[in-house]
Amino acid sequence: MPSYIEESVSSAQNSSDLFDTCFHLIKLYCNSEYPIENIVHPLSHGSNQLDHRLTWHLTMALQALQYNHITKFSIETLHYSFAAQLQSAGLWHWAIYVLMHIENDQRREKFVRLYLSRNVSSQSDLNDCEKFIVEKLNVPSEWVYECKAIRAKYEHLDENQLDLLIKAHKWNEAHYVLVEQIAPDLFINNEFEKLNNYLNLLNKESTCISRWNYGGLVYLDFIKLNQKQKILFTFNIDEEEKYIDDEMISETNEQLMSLATRLKEFDTKSSKKLLCSLVISQLVLKYFHVLNEMMNRNDQEMEDLERKMTKQSVEKAEQQTLLVPDQELLKTVMLKKVILAKKFLDQKNTRSRY
């Protein structure tokens, strides 16, 4: 029996079963089927039964020498125990290294994700330990970013959570966070550039996102129309009218028809999202008023490739839009959509006869 455990072994324990590690290795040399569990028992080399440092390394060395007759249950229990010891010592990234030795793919992923979720930070960038895990241990970065996103969620860091979900390629979850928690605030605060950046990132993966057309794309189309109105509806000081080519009008009309149709499905359960819906409806209605005025003015000039827009018509459209009660906005938008669609169809039919 090893001298360092003579006094620590309780009287209840059978001390005759305890031998020094070196003795066990000699036994293994004599008998290649000698149980490895006996060799690597913590009490064979120290007095602490919870110290698995030498146990784990010795087991890995013996396996490298083709001594593989340790049971799967014993080896996995050793991985879990040593990983827990490393984590308690603040070496959680090395615990991940130990867990990567688990042979079963599903259990390996389960425990690696578990340790990641316990220890990663909520910051958008990887810290040194996280870089070590991704770059040296080849743990998929998506696992790390997904666990970081969960941490950011519980710390109420919405924008960090969105950044991390995008990096984890969790497109549906990222879209939900953007539309439900971030977009309404950015919209109300007129931070359209920042909102546009997020939307463009998700737009590249829109085919993977459910209800994108009724969520993120509604905001994205509004931003495009809002930017376009600064060009179309802005006049110089001495300018009272301008001419807009039919191609621009047709393109704008298609955007308006698409957006107006999808506005009916836009979620307005929260007060912030309801406000967003009203502002979007006001802009669409303003466009409809202006385009309707232009169509009426130029009905006798169907052969022209440009249509005249006046400063007065834009101001009139703004006033008409403001007069519509909030509860009637969406209904009015739908009505104007039908009227304008009919006029564009009539124009197309008339031109085809020339």
Protein backbone atom coordinates (compact mmCIF):
# COMPACT_ATOMS: atom_id res chain seq x y z
CA MET A 1 0.00 0.00 0.00
CA PRO A 2 1.37 3.47 -0.88
CA SER A 3 2.83 5.29 2.08
CA TYR A 4 0.98 8.53 1.34
CA ILE A 5 -2.43 6.95 1.97
CA GLU A 6 -1.63 4.72 4.94
CA GLU A 7 -3.07 7.21 7.40
CA SER A 8 -5.85 8.59 5.18
CA VAL A 9 -7.59 5.33 4.40
CA SER A 10 -10.58 4.78 6.69
CA SER A 11 -10.85 1.63 8.69
CA ALA A 12 -14.04 0.76 6.82
CA GLN A 13 -12.19 0.55 3.51
CA ASN A 14 -10.39 -2.60 2.49
CA SER A 15 -6.80 -1.34 2.42
CA SER A 16 -5.50 -4.63 1.00
CA ASP A 17 -6.97 -3.64 -2.42
CA LEU A 18 -4.89 -0.44 -2.65
CA PHE A 19 -1.53 -0.58 -4.40
CA ASP A 20 0.82 1.98 -5.84
CA THR A 21 0.43 2.95 -9.51
CA CYS A 22 3.88 1.55 -10.33
CA PHE A 23 2.86 -1.84 -8.90
CA HIS A 24 -0.27 -1.84 -11.08
CA LEU A 25 1.80 -0.97 -14.18
CA ILE A 26 4.07 -3.95 -13.46
CA LYS A 27 0.96 -6.12 -13.20
CA LEU A 28 -0.20 -4.77 -16.57
CA TYR A 29 3.21 -5.58 -18.08
CA CYS A 30 2.83 -9.15 -16.86
CA ASN A 31 -0.79 -9.43 -17.90
CA SER A 32 -2.02 -7.30 -20.79
CA GLU A 33 -5.64 -7.91 -19.70
CA TYR A 34 -5.08 -6.46 -16.21
CA PRO A 35 -7.96 -4.01 -15.43
CA ILE A 36 -6.99 -0.44 -16.25
CA GLU A 37 -9.52 0.84 -13.70
CA ASN A 38 -7.25 -0.52 -10.94
CA ILE A 39 -4.18 1.22 -12.39
CA VAL A 40 -5.70 4.67 -12.71
CA HIS A 41 -7.68 4.81 -9.47
CA PRO A 42 -6.97 8.19 -7.79
CA LEU A 43 -5.97 6.54 -4.48
CA SER A 44 -3.20 4.59 -6.20
CA HIS A 45 -1.16 7.77 -6.62
CA GLY A 46 -2.58 10.29 -4.12
CA SER A 47 -4.80 10.79 -1.13
CA ASN A 48 -7.54 12.81 -2.87
CA GLN A 49 -10.17 10.65 -4.55
CA LEU A 50 -11.43 13.67 -6.51
CA ASP A 51 -8.07 14.47 -8.09
CA HIS A 52 -8.23 13.07 -11.62
CA ARG A 53 -5.21 14.82 -13.14
CA LEU A 54 -2.79 11.89 -13.29
CA THR A 55 -5.67 9.46 -13.72
CA TRP A 56 -6.83 11.07 -16.95
CA HIS A 57 -3.38 11.58 -18.47
CA LEU A 58 -2.28 8.06 -17.60
CA THR A 59 -5.45 6.63 -19.13
CA MET A 60 -4.87 8.58 -22.36
CA ALA A 61 -1.26 7.35 -22.47
CA LEU A 62 -2.30 3.71 -21.99
CA GLN A 63 -4.92 4.02 -24.71
CA ALA A 64 -2.29 5.44 -27.05
CA LEU A 65 -0.29 2.27 -26.37
CA GLN A 66 -3.33 0.23 -27.46
CA TYR A 67 -4.46 -0.77 -23.95
CA ASN A 68 -8.12 -0.21 -24.77
CA HIS A 69 -9.86 -2.70 -22.51
CA ILE A 70 -11.31 -0.02 -20.22
CA THR A 71 -15.12 0.12 -20.32
CA LYS A 72 -16.86 2.97 -22.15
CA PHE A 73 -18.72 3.86 -18.97
CA SER A 74 -15.45 4.19 -17.01
CA ILE A 75 -13.69 6.30 -19.64
CA GLU A 76 -16.62 8.68 -20.08
CA THR A 77 -17.04 9.02 -16.33
CA LEU A 78 -13.36 9.94 -16.16
CA HIS A 79 -13.81 12.60 -18.88
CA TYR A 80 -16.76 14.13 -17.01
CA SER A 81 -14.97 14.06 -13.66
CA PHE A 82 -11.74 15.62 -14.89
CA ALA A 83 -13.65 18.27 -16.88
CA ALA A 84 -15.58 19.21 -13.72
CA GLN A 85 -12.31 19.46 -11.79
CA LEU A 86 -10.78 21.74 -14.41
CA GLN A 87 -13.86 23.95 -14.51
CA SER A 88 -13.82 24.34 -10.72
CA ALA A 89 -10.19 25.46 -11.02
CA GLY A 90 -11.14 28.16 -13.56
CA LEU A 91 -9.71 26.22 -16.52
CA TRP A 92 -13.02 25.70 -18.30
CA HIS A 93 -11.45 25.97 -21.78
CA TRP A 94 -9.22 23.00 -20.93
CA ALA A 95 -12.31 21.19 -19.68
CA ILE A 96 -13.65 21.54 -23.23
CA TYR A 97 -10.40 19.94 -24.45
CA VAL A 98 -11.03 16.94 -22.19
CA LEU A 99 -14.67 16.64 -23.28
CA MET A 100 -13.62 16.60 -26.93
CA HIS A 101 -12.20 13.12 -26.23
CA ILE A 102 -15.71 11.67 -25.77
CA GLU A 103 -16.19 9.18 -28.61
CA ASN A 104 -19.97 9.39 -28.95
CA ASP A 105 -20.80 12.36 -31.21
CA GLN A 106 -24.11 13.23 -29.61
CA ARG A 107 -22.85 13.10 -26.02
CA ARG A 108 -19.70 15.00 -26.98
CA GLU A 109 -21.74 17.83 -28.51
CA LYS A 110 -24.16 17.82 -25.57
CA PHE A 111 -21.45 18.24 -22.92
CA VAL A 112 -19.33 20.70 -24.92
CA ARG A 113 -22.40 22.90 -25.43
CA LEU A 114 -23.25 22.54 -21.72
CA TYR A 115 -19.83 23.78 -20.61
CA LEU A 116 -19.88 26.55 -23.21
CA SER A 117 -23.25 27.80 -21.99
CA ARG A 118 -21.92 27.93 -18.42
CA ASN A 119 -18.74 29.84 -19.17
CA VAL A 120 -18.85 31.98 -22.33
CA SER A 121 -19.28 35.74 -22.17
CA SER A 122 -22.10 37.79 -23.69
CA GLN A 123 -19.79 40.06 -25.71
CA SER A 124 -19.98 40.05 -29.52
CA ASP A 125 -16.28 39.28 -29.96
CA LEU A 126 -14.45 36.17 -28.79
CA ASN A 127 -12.18 36.44 -25.76
CA ASP A 128 -8.89 34.54 -25.46
CA CYS A 129 -10.44 31.37 -24.03
CA GLU A 130 -13.14 31.31 -26.69
CA LYS A 131 -10.58 31.87 -29.47
CA PHE A 132 -8.57 28.95 -28.08
CA ILE A 133 -11.65 26.73 -28.27
CA VAL A 134 -12.44 27.70 -31.86
CA GLU A 135 -8.92 27.99 -33.30
CA LYS A 136 -7.03 25.29 -31.40
CA LEU A 137 -9.71 22.76 -30.48
CA ASN A 138 -11.70 23.23 -33.72
CA VAL A 139 -14.99 23.49 -31.89
CA PRO A 140 -17.53 24.88 -34.43
CA SER A 141 -17.73 28.64 -33.97
CA GLU A 142 -21.51 28.41 -34.40
CA TRP A 143 -21.72 26.48 -31.12
CA VAL A 144 -19.76 29.16 -29.30
CA TYR A 145 -21.75 32.07 -30.76
CA GLU A 146 -25.07 30.36 -30.07
CA CYS A 147 -24.17 29.85 -26.40
CA LYS A 148 -22.95 33.45 -26.19
CA ALA A 149 -26.30 34.57 -27.64
CA ILE A 150 -28.14 32.68 -24.89
CA ARG A 151 -25.98 34.44 -22.28
CA ALA A 152 -26.68 37.83 -23.91
CA LYS A 153 -30.41 37.06 -23.85
CA TYR A 154 -30.42 36.51 -20.09
CA GLU A 155 -28.37 39.65 -19.57
CA HIS A 156 -30.91 41.60 -21.68
CA LEU A 157 -28.26 42.67 -24.23
CA ASP A 158 -30.53 42.61 -27.26
CA GLU A 159 -28.12 43.99 -29.86
CA ASN A 160 -25.34 41.68 -28.68
CA GLN A 161 -27.78 38.78 -28.89
CA LEU A 162 -28.69 39.74 -32.46
CA ASP A 163 -25.03 40.04 -33.53
CA LEU A 164 -24.24 36.66 -31.99
CA LEU A 165 -27.26 34.91 -33.53
CA ILE A 166 -26.22 36.21 -36.95
CA LYS A 167 -22.69 34.90 -36.41
CA ALA A 168 -24.18 31.57 -35.30
CA HIS A 169 -26.23 31.48 -38.53
CA LYS A 170 -29.44 31.27 -36.54
CA TRP A 171 -31.42 33.32 -39.04
CA ASN A 172 -34.96 32.76 -37.76
CA GLU A 173 -33.98 33.49 -34.17
CA ALA A 174 -32.06 36.59 -35.27
CA HIS A 175 -35.06 37.81 -37.29
CA TYR A 176 -37.34 37.32 -34.28
CA VAL A 177 -35.03 39.29 -31.97
CA LEU A 178 -34.68 42.08 -34.53
CA VAL A 179 -38.39 42.44 -35.30
CA GLU A 180 -39.68 41.97 -31.75
CA GLN A 181 -37.09 43.74 -29.62
CA ILE A 182 -34.74 45.97 -31.62
CA ALA A 183 -36.41 47.24 -34.80
CA PRO A 184 -39.33 49.09 -33.13
CA ASP A 185 -36.98 51.13 -30.91
CA LEU A 186 -34.59 51.93 -33.78
CA PHE A 187 -37.56 52.86 -35.97
CA ILE A 188 -39.14 55.17 -33.39
CA ASN A 189 -35.77 56.84 -32.70
CA ASN A 190 -35.18 57.36 -36.46
CA GLU A 191 -32.02 55.25 -36.38
CA PHE A 192 -32.76 53.99 -39.88
CA GLU A 193 -29.14 53.56 -40.94
CA LYS A 194 -28.43 51.14 -38.12
CA LEU A 195 -31.70 49.30 -38.71
CA ASN A 196 -30.94 49.11 -42.43
CA ASN A 197 -27.56 47.50 -41.73
CA TYR A 198 -29.16 44.75 -39.64
CA LEU A 199 -31.90 44.18 -42.22
CA ASN A 200 -29.45 43.91 -45.10
CA LEU A 201 -27.48 41.25 -43.21
CA LEU A 202 -30.62 39.16 -42.80
CA ASN A 203 -31.92 39.93 -46.29
CA LYS A 204 -29.04 37.88 -47.75
CA GLU A 205 -30.49 34.82 -45.99
CA SER A 206 -34.16 35.74 -46.39
CA THR A 207 -34.99 32.41 -48.06
CA CYS A 208 -34.20 30.69 -44.75
CA ILE A 209 -36.36 33.01 -42.65
CA SER A 210 -40.04 32.33 -42.07
CA ARG A 211 -42.36 35.35 -42.33
CA TRP A 212 -39.53 37.55 -43.56
CA ASN A 213 -41.94 39.22 -46.00
CA TYR A 214 -44.22 40.28 -43.14
CA GLY A 215 -41.47 41.27 -40.70
CA GLY A 216 -38.02 42.46 -41.67
CA LEU A 217 -38.90 43.13 -45.31
CA VAL A 218 -41.66 45.55 -44.28
CA TYR A 219 -39.10 47.67 -42.42
CA LEU A 220 -36.60 47.35 -45.27
CA ASP A 221 -39.15 48.47 -47.89
CA PHE A 222 -40.16 51.41 -45.70
CA ILE A 223 -36.53 52.53 -45.44
CA LYS A 224 -36.13 52.35 -49.22
CA LEU A 225 -39.31 54.36 -49.81
CA ASN A 226 -38.33 56.83 -47.11
CA GLN A 227 -34.97 57.39 -48.81
CA LYS A 228 -36.65 57.69 -52.21
CA GLN A 229 -39.10 60.33 -51.00
CA LYS A 230 -36.15 62.58 -50.13
CA ILE A 231 -35.33 62.55 -53.84
CA LEU A 232 -38.83 62.56 -55.32
CA PHE A 233 -40.62 64.92 -52.95
CA THR A 234 -37.85 67.47 -52.34
CA PHE A 235 -37.89 70.67 -54.39
CA ASN A 236 -35.35 73.45 -54.68
CA ILE A 237 -36.30 76.89 -53.34
CA ASP A 238 -37.23 78.28 -56.75
CA GLU A 239 -38.62 74.97 -58.07
CA GLU A 240 -42.37 74.39 -58.21
CA GLU A 241 -42.49 71.26 -60.35
CA LYS A 242 -40.36 68.43 -61.68
CA TYR A 243 -40.74 65.60 -64.15
CA ILE A 244 -40.49 61.98 -63.12
CA ASP A 245 -39.90 59.30 -65.76
CA ASP A 246 -42.40 56.47 -66.08
CA GLU A 247 -39.83 53.82 -65.24
CA MET A 248 -39.29 55.37 -61.81
CA ILE A 249 -43.05 55.67 -61.30
CA SER A 250 -43.66 52.04 -62.25
CA GLU A 251 -40.88 50.83 -59.96
CA THR A 252 -42.25 52.89 -57.07
CA ASN A 253 -45.77 51.67 -57.74
CA GLU A 254 -44.65 48.02 -57.57
CA GLN A 255 -42.92 48.65 -54.24
CA LEU A 256 -46.03 50.36 -52.88
CA MET A 257 -48.41 47.62 -54.01
CA SER A 258 -46.22 44.92 -52.48
CA LEU A 259 -45.75 46.77 -49.20
CA ALA A 260 -49.41 47.73 -48.89
CA THR A 261 -50.45 44.09 -49.36
CA ARG A 262 -48.04 42.86 -46.68
CA LEU A 263 -49.00 45.57 -44.20
CA LYS A 264 -52.22 43.65 -43.48
CA GLU A 265 -50.13 40.77 -42.08
CA PHE A 266 -47.72 43.00 -40.12
CA ASP A 267 -47.83 42.16 -36.40
CA THR A 268 -49.11 45.10 -34.34
CA LYS A 269 -49.67 43.42 -30.98
CA SER A 270 -47.29 45.71 -29.10
CA SER A 271 -47.80 49.48 -28.86
CA LYS A 272 -44.38 50.17 -30.40
CA LYS A 273 -45.06 47.97 -33.40
CA LEU A 274 -48.48 49.53 -33.81
CA LEU A 275 -46.83 52.96 -33.98
CA CYS A 276 -44.38 51.64 -36.59
CA SER A 277 -47.29 50.29 -38.63
CA LEU A 278 -49.05 53.67 -38.53
CA VAL A 279 -45.95 55.57 -39.67
CA ILE A 280 -45.38 53.10 -42.52
CA SER A 281 -49.05 53.37 -43.54
CA GLN A 282 -48.81 57.17 -43.56
CA LEU A 283 -45.83 57.10 -45.90
CA VAL A 284 -47.52 54.60 -48.25
CA LEU A 285 -50.70 56.68 -48.27
CA LYS A 286 -48.71 59.84 -49.02
CA TYR A 287 -47.14 58.11 -52.02
CA PHE A 288 -50.57 56.94 -53.21
CA HIS A 289 -51.97 60.47 -53.01
CA VAL A 290 -49.06 61.92 -54.99
CA LEU A 291 -49.12 59.22 -57.65
CA ASN A 292 -52.91 59.47 -57.95
CA GLU A 293 -52.62 63.24 -58.48
CA MET A 294 -49.95 62.72 -61.14
CA MET A 295 -52.05 60.11 -62.95
CA ASN A 296 -55.11 62.38 -62.97
CA ARG A 297 -53.13 65.35 -64.28
CA ASN A 298 -51.56 63.45 -67.15
CA ASP A 299 -54.44 61.25 -68.33
CA GLN A 300 -54.54 63.12 -71.63
CA GLU A 301 -50.78 62.71 -72.19
CA MET A 302 -50.47 58.94 -72.13
CA GLU A 303 -47.82 58.95 -74.82
CA ASP A 304 -45.42 60.98 -72.65
CA LEU A 305 -42.56 59.10 -70.98
CA GLU A 306 -42.50 61.53 -68.02
CA ARG A 307 -45.07 62.78 -65.58
CA LYS A 308 -45.18 66.11 -63.84
CA MET A 309 -44.99 66.32 -60.05
CA THR A 310 -45.67 69.65 -58.41
CA LYS A 311 -44.63 70.97 -55.03
CA GLN A 312 -48.28 71.79 -54.38
CA SER A 313 -49.37 68.18 -55.01
CA VAL A 314 -46.82 66.89 -52.50
CA GLU A 315 -47.96 69.37 -49.85
CA LYS A 316 -51.58 68.46 -50.55
CA ALA A 317 -50.78 64.76 -50.20
CA GLU A 318 -49.16 65.38 -46.82
CA GLN A 319 -52.24 67.25 -45.59
CA GLN A 320 -54.62 64.56 -46.87
CA THR A 321 -52.58 61.87 -45.13
CA LEU A 322 -52.58 63.70 -41.80
CA LEU A 323 -56.37 64.08 -41.94
CA VAL A 324 -56.92 60.31 -41.96
CA PRO A 325 -57.59 58.95 -38.41
CA ASP A 326 -55.13 56.33 -37.19
CA GLN A 327 -57.79 53.63 -37.01
CA GLU A 328 -58.70 54.24 -40.65
CA LEU A 329 -55.16 54.40 -42.04
CA LEU A 330 -54.76 50.79 -43.12
CA LYS A 331 -58.26 50.66 -44.61
CA THR A 332 -57.58 53.86 -46.59
CA VAL A 333 -54.25 52.48 -47.81
CA MET A 334 -55.98 49.35 -49.13
CA LEU A 335 -58.64 51.45 -50.89
CA LYS A 336 -56.08 53.74 -52.52
CA LYS A 337 -54.08 50.69 -53.54
CA VAL A 338 -57.04 49.28 -55.47
CA ILE A 339 -57.77 52.64 -57.16
CA LEU A 340 -54.18 53.20 -58.19
CA ALA A 341 -53.74 49.63 -59.42
CA LYS A 342 -56.77 50.08 -61.67
CA LYS A 343 -55.39 53.35 -63.07
CA PHE A 344 -52.01 51.79 -63.87
CA LEU A 345 -53.79 48.88 -65.57
CA ASP A 346 -55.93 51.25 -67.62
CA GLN A 347 -52.81 53.22 -68.60
CA LYS A 348 -51.06 50.03 -69.70
CA ASN A 349 -54.06 48.98 -71.82
CA THR A 350 -54.35 52.44 -73.37
CA ARG A 351 -50.67 52.51 -74.34
CA SER A 352 -50.88 49.05 -75.86
CA ARG A 353 -53.51 50.35 -78.29
CA TYR A 354 -51.24 53.11 -79.64
